[in-house]
Every structure is written in structure tokens, then in C-alpha cells.
Amino acid sequence: MNEENLRWVQRIVEAALLAAGKPMGLDQLRDLFDEGDRPARQVMEHVMFQLEKSCEGRGFELVRVASGYRFQVRQEYAPWVSKLFEEKPQRYSRALLETLALIAYRQPITRGEIEDIRGVAVSSNIVRTLLEREWVRVVGHRDVPGRPAMYATTKQFLDYFNLASLDQLPPLSEIRDLDEIGREIEKTIQAEIEFESPSDEQTDDQTLH
């Protein structure tokens, strides 16, 4: 494929990513083209690399997350971009962050196992919020009396935190305790949260203490 055709593909991909409003995978992007014009996967990977380079020094970037590629505002510009929203973004309680951290690092894990580690009961509102946000899902049931649900993180969790896989989470060996895990996740949330829709419904457990 010559340079002119590559630029043509790049412009189409750029337009599609801007219009989609959500991550798109390579195969989804390739399917935008008719069969006779469809770029090979290797060509598409080259196009994505060039698009990523073209964002250098600009206020937005192309990132790859679990569900594919997306354009997003760079985190360092969050203080200014957040002023576009009249309402304050959601804040999350320490209990919710710790629960999410345990699921991320110990999955699959049951609610009872989370309570054993934290030493306190897990509010039903916390579990409901994580499920509604689609950050966690039920992946099975532990084969013990009562068959409690086992929770694990989702692709949406990875997308939200700009992760392509769980391997990109900070290693547990570098994190001393549960509070520190919660702080690591909270830092990522606060960096991203300015871009959340202010109309999302809050629950009692979403107010940061």
C-alpha cells in the first residue's frame, strides 16, 4: 500500500474513532472498509502507530485499552477540561476503592472473602455500584455451602483505567498494604473522573469520606 493510500486509511480511522465515542478494535476498524479495499492487519497496525505518533505534543492522545483504541484528552489537562462541566464529578468511598482493589488483585473472589480481608462487612450498595458501572461481574459460584458468587473485573474496568490487560496493574510486591492499593486506584480514578458524565446517578457509598 502506497503512502497516499496509507494516509487515506489513516484519515478514515481517525474519523471513525472520533465518531465512535468508545474504543474500537483493529478488526472493527478493518470492517469499515469494503472487502476489496480492506487493509491487512499488519497495515492497520502501522496506521495506528502513525496515528499515535501524530498525537505527540498535542492535548489528546491515542491509547490502546482492553477493548481497542480510542482518542482521549491527556490527563495533565484535566484541571482545565473539567471546567467544562458545571457539576462536580462522582467521588468514591475508601470502602468501594478497597473492594475494587481486592477484586482486581485477588480475582475471582467472593464477598465473604473480601470481608475476611477487610475485617468489615461489604455494603450491598458497593457491590451494586461496581456491577452497575460494569467494572466487575459474576464469573461463577464458589463450591461451598451457600455457593457465594465470585467476582472478577471486566473489559470496561480495564478501559476505564487505561489498561490493556491486568498485567499492567502495579505489582503487589510494590504495594505494601490494602490502603496503598486503594490509593493507587483512587489516583487513577481522580485523573480520569473529570471526563465522566455529570449526570450519572450517585449512591450513598459514592461520597468520598
Protein backbone atom coordinates (compact mmCIF):
# COMPACT_ATOMS: atom_id res chain seq x y z
CA MET A 1 0.00 0.00 0.00
CA ASN A 2 1.49 3.33 -1.08
CA GLU A 3 1.81 6.43 1.12
CA GLU A 4 -1.25 8.11 -0.36
CA ASN A 5 -3.44 5.09 0.40
CA LEU A 6 -1.99 4.85 3.90
CA ARG A 7 -2.91 8.47 4.58
CA TRP A 8 -6.41 7.77 3.25
CA VAL A 9 -6.80 4.81 5.63
CA GLN A 10 -5.42 6.88 8.50
CA ARG A 11 -7.95 9.68 7.92
CA ILE A 12 -10.83 7.18 7.86
CA VAL A 13 -9.64 5.51 11.07
CA GLU A 14 -9.20 8.89 12.74
CA ALA A 15 -12.72 9.95 11.77
CA ALA A 16 -14.20 6.64 12.96
CA LEU A 17 -12.51 6.81 16.36
CA LEU A 18 -13.69 10.38 16.88
CA ALA A 19 -17.26 9.46 15.93
CA ALA A 20 -17.46 6.17 17.84
CA GLY A 21 -17.08 7.60 21.33
CA LYS A 22 -15.78 4.24 22.54
CA PRO A 23 -12.76 2.01 21.91
CA MET A 24 -12.59 0.15 18.61
CA GLY A 25 -10.51 -2.93 17.89
CA LEU A 26 -8.40 -3.48 14.76
CA ASP A 27 -10.92 -5.89 13.26
CA GLN A 28 -13.76 -3.42 13.85
CA LEU A 29 -11.77 -0.72 12.09
CA ARG A 30 -10.89 -3.04 9.20
CA ASP A 31 -14.57 -3.90 8.78
CA LEU A 32 -15.26 -0.25 7.92
CA PHE A 33 -13.71 -0.91 4.52
CA ASP A 34 -15.19 -2.88 1.63
CA GLU A 35 -13.60 -6.27 1.14
CA GLY A 36 -11.58 -5.16 -1.86
CA ASP A 37 -10.19 -2.11 -0.04
CA ARG A 38 -9.76 -3.67 3.39
CA PRO A 39 -6.25 -3.09 4.79
CA ALA A 40 -4.31 -6.09 6.06
CA ARG A 41 -3.99 -6.35 9.82
CA GLN A 42 -0.28 -5.52 9.61
CA VAL A 43 -1.09 -2.39 7.61
CA MET A 44 -3.69 -1.37 10.17
CA GLU A 45 -1.17 -1.80 12.99
CA HIS A 46 1.19 0.52 11.12
CA VAL A 47 -1.61 3.07 10.68
CA MET A 48 -2.33 3.00 14.42
CA PHE A 49 1.36 3.53 15.16
CA GLN A 50 1.44 6.54 12.85
CA LEU A 51 -1.73 7.94 14.42
CA GLU A 52 -0.20 7.58 17.87
CA LYS A 53 2.92 9.45 16.74
CA SER A 54 0.81 12.22 15.17
CA CYS A 55 -0.69 12.98 18.61
CA GLU A 56 2.68 13.75 20.19
CA GLY A 57 2.80 17.25 21.60
CA ARG A 58 -0.97 17.68 21.38
CA GLY A 59 -3.70 17.89 24.02
CA PHE A 60 -5.04 14.44 23.22
CA GLU A 61 -3.55 11.01 22.65
CA LEU A 62 -4.35 7.67 21.08
CA VAL A 63 -4.33 4.90 23.68
CA ARG A 64 -4.84 1.16 23.47
CA VAL A 65 -7.08 -0.36 26.14
CA ALA A 66 -8.68 -3.79 26.53
CA SER A 67 -11.48 -3.12 24.02
CA GLY A 68 -9.32 -1.47 21.39
CA TYR A 69 -8.06 2.02 20.53
CA ARG A 70 -9.52 5.41 21.46
CA PHE A 71 -8.67 9.09 21.46
CA GLN A 72 -8.72 10.81 24.84
CA VAL A 73 -7.65 14.05 26.48
CA ARG A 74 -4.26 13.81 28.14
CA GLN A 75 -4.52 13.54 31.91
CA GLU A 76 -2.34 16.58 32.56
CA TYR A 77 -5.03 18.80 31.04
CA ALA A 78 -7.80 17.51 33.31
CA PRO A 79 -7.83 20.62 35.58
CA TRP A 80 -8.80 22.79 32.61
CA VAL A 81 -11.09 20.37 30.78
CA SER A 82 -13.03 19.65 33.98
CA LYS A 83 -14.19 23.29 34.00
CA LEU A 84 -16.42 22.43 31.04
CA PHE A 85 -18.70 20.57 33.45
CA GLU A 86 -20.90 22.57 35.79
CA GLU A 87 -21.48 19.74 38.24
CA LYS A 88 -18.83 18.04 40.33
CA PRO A 89 -17.85 14.55 39.13
CA GLN A 90 -18.55 11.48 41.20
CA ARG A 91 -16.31 10.64 44.11
CA TYR A 92 -15.92 7.16 45.54
CA SER A 93 -15.62 5.98 49.11
CA ARG A 94 -12.50 4.36 50.51
CA ALA A 95 -14.56 1.20 51.13
CA LEU A 96 -15.52 0.99 47.45
CA LEU A 97 -11.93 1.54 46.30
CA GLU A 98 -10.61 -1.13 48.65
CA THR A 99 -13.29 -3.58 47.49
CA LEU A 100 -12.46 -2.88 43.85
CA ALA A 101 -8.74 -3.27 44.56
CA LEU A 102 -9.27 -6.66 46.20
CA ILE A 103 -11.33 -7.89 43.28
CA ALA A 104 -8.70 -6.66 40.81
CA TYR A 105 -5.80 -8.33 42.63
CA ARG A 106 -7.44 -11.44 44.11
CA GLN A 107 -10.00 -12.37 41.45
CA PRO A 108 -12.03 -14.44 41.39
CA ILE A 109 -13.09 -13.56 44.93
CA THR A 110 -16.32 -13.77 46.91
CA ARG A 111 -17.93 -11.08 49.02
CA GLY A 112 -17.22 -13.12 52.15
CA GLU A 113 -13.52 -13.38 51.27
CA ILE A 114 -13.38 -9.60 50.76
CA GLU A 115 -14.99 -9.11 54.19
CA ASP A 116 -12.49 -11.50 55.80
CA ILE A 117 -9.57 -9.48 54.41
CA ARG A 118 -11.02 -6.03 55.17
CA GLY A 119 -12.42 -7.06 58.56
CA VAL A 120 -15.74 -5.30 57.94
CA ALA A 121 -18.93 -6.04 56.04
CA VAL A 122 -19.17 -5.04 52.37
CA SER A 123 -22.20 -2.83 51.75
CA SER A 124 -24.70 -4.08 49.17
CA ASN A 125 -24.57 -0.57 47.66
CA ILE A 126 -20.86 -1.02 46.93
CA VAL A 127 -21.38 -4.31 45.12
CA ARG A 128 -24.34 -2.86 43.22
CA THR A 129 -22.36 0.21 42.19
CA LEU A 130 -19.46 -1.87 40.87
CA LEU A 131 -21.86 -4.09 38.93
CA GLU A 132 -23.80 -1.13 37.52
CA ARG A 133 -20.57 0.57 36.46
CA GLU A 134 -19.70 -2.74 34.77
CA TRP A 135 -16.31 -2.71 36.46
CA VAL A 136 -16.94 -6.17 37.94
CA ARG A 137 -19.09 -9.17 37.03
CA VAL A 138 -20.08 -12.52 38.48
CA VAL A 139 -17.89 -15.22 36.93
CA GLY A 140 -19.14 -18.24 38.86
CA HIS A 141 -20.00 -19.54 42.31
CA ARG A 142 -17.67 -20.95 44.95
CA ASP A 143 -18.33 -24.67 45.59
CA VAL A 144 -19.04 -24.24 49.30
CA PRO A 145 -22.28 -24.08 51.32
CA GLY A 146 -24.44 -21.23 50.04
CA ARG A 147 -22.49 -21.16 46.71
CA PRO A 148 -21.46 -17.48 47.03
CA ALA A 149 -20.91 -15.51 43.83
CA MET A 150 -17.31 -14.97 42.69
CA TYR A 151 -16.43 -11.55 41.29
CA ALA A 152 -13.84 -10.52 38.71
CA THR A 153 -13.06 -7.36 36.78
CA THR A 154 -14.29 -6.65 33.24
CA LYS A 155 -13.01 -5.14 29.99
CA GLN A 156 -14.85 -1.96 30.98
CA PHE A 157 -12.70 -1.81 34.14
CA LEU A 158 -9.55 -2.10 32.04
CA ASP A 159 -10.82 0.50 29.57
CA TYR A 160 -11.67 2.99 32.32
CA PHE A 161 -8.23 2.75 33.88
CA ASN A 162 -6.38 2.86 30.54
CA LEU A 163 -5.19 -0.73 30.84
CA ALA A 164 -4.82 -3.23 28.01
CA SER A 165 -4.56 -6.13 30.50
CA LEU A 166 -4.37 -6.86 34.22
CA ASP A 167 -0.61 -7.32 33.83
CA GLN A 168 -0.35 -3.52 33.75
CA LEU A 169 -1.62 -3.16 37.33
CA PRO A 170 1.11 -2.13 39.79
CA PRO A 171 2.79 -5.34 41.07
CA LEU A 172 1.66 -6.35 44.55
CA SER A 173 5.31 -6.58 45.55
CA GLU A 174 5.49 -2.80 45.13
CA ILE A 175 2.40 -2.13 47.26
CA ARG A 176 2.71 -2.52 51.00
CA ASP A 177 -0.89 -2.74 52.21
CA LEU A 178 -4.57 -2.55 51.29
CA ASP A 179 -4.74 1.19 51.91
CA GLU A 180 -1.95 1.74 49.41
CA ILE A 181 -3.74 -0.40 46.80
CA GLY A 182 -6.83 1.75 47.32
CA ARG A 183 -4.78 4.91 46.89
CA GLU A 184 -3.23 3.62 43.67
CA ILE A 185 -6.69 3.00 42.19
CA GLU A 186 -8.02 6.30 43.57
CA LYS A 187 -5.21 8.25 41.85
CA THR A 188 -6.21 6.73 38.53
CA ILE A 189 -9.90 7.40 39.14
CA GLN A 190 -9.31 11.02 40.04
CA ALA A 191 -7.18 11.51 36.92
CA GLU A 192 -9.95 10.09 34.72
CA ILE A 193 -13.03 11.17 36.62
CA GLU A 194 -13.14 14.73 35.29
CA PHE A 195 -14.24 13.34 31.96
CA GLU A 196 -17.18 11.34 33.36
CA SER A 197 -20.71 12.46 32.51
CA PRO A 198 -22.01 14.56 35.43
CA SER A 199 -25.48 13.07 35.00
CA ASP A 200 -24.51 9.62 36.30
CA GLU A 201 -26.59 8.64 39.34
CA GLN A 202 -24.76 8.55 42.65
CA THR A 203 -25.30 6.17 45.55
CA ASP A 204 -24.71 6.71 49.25
CA ASP A 205 -21.42 4.83 49.01
CA GLN A 206 -20.01 7.06 46.25
CA THR A 207 -19.21 10.04 48.50
CA LEU A 208 -15.54 10.07 49.40
CA HIS A 209 -15.12 10.36 53.14
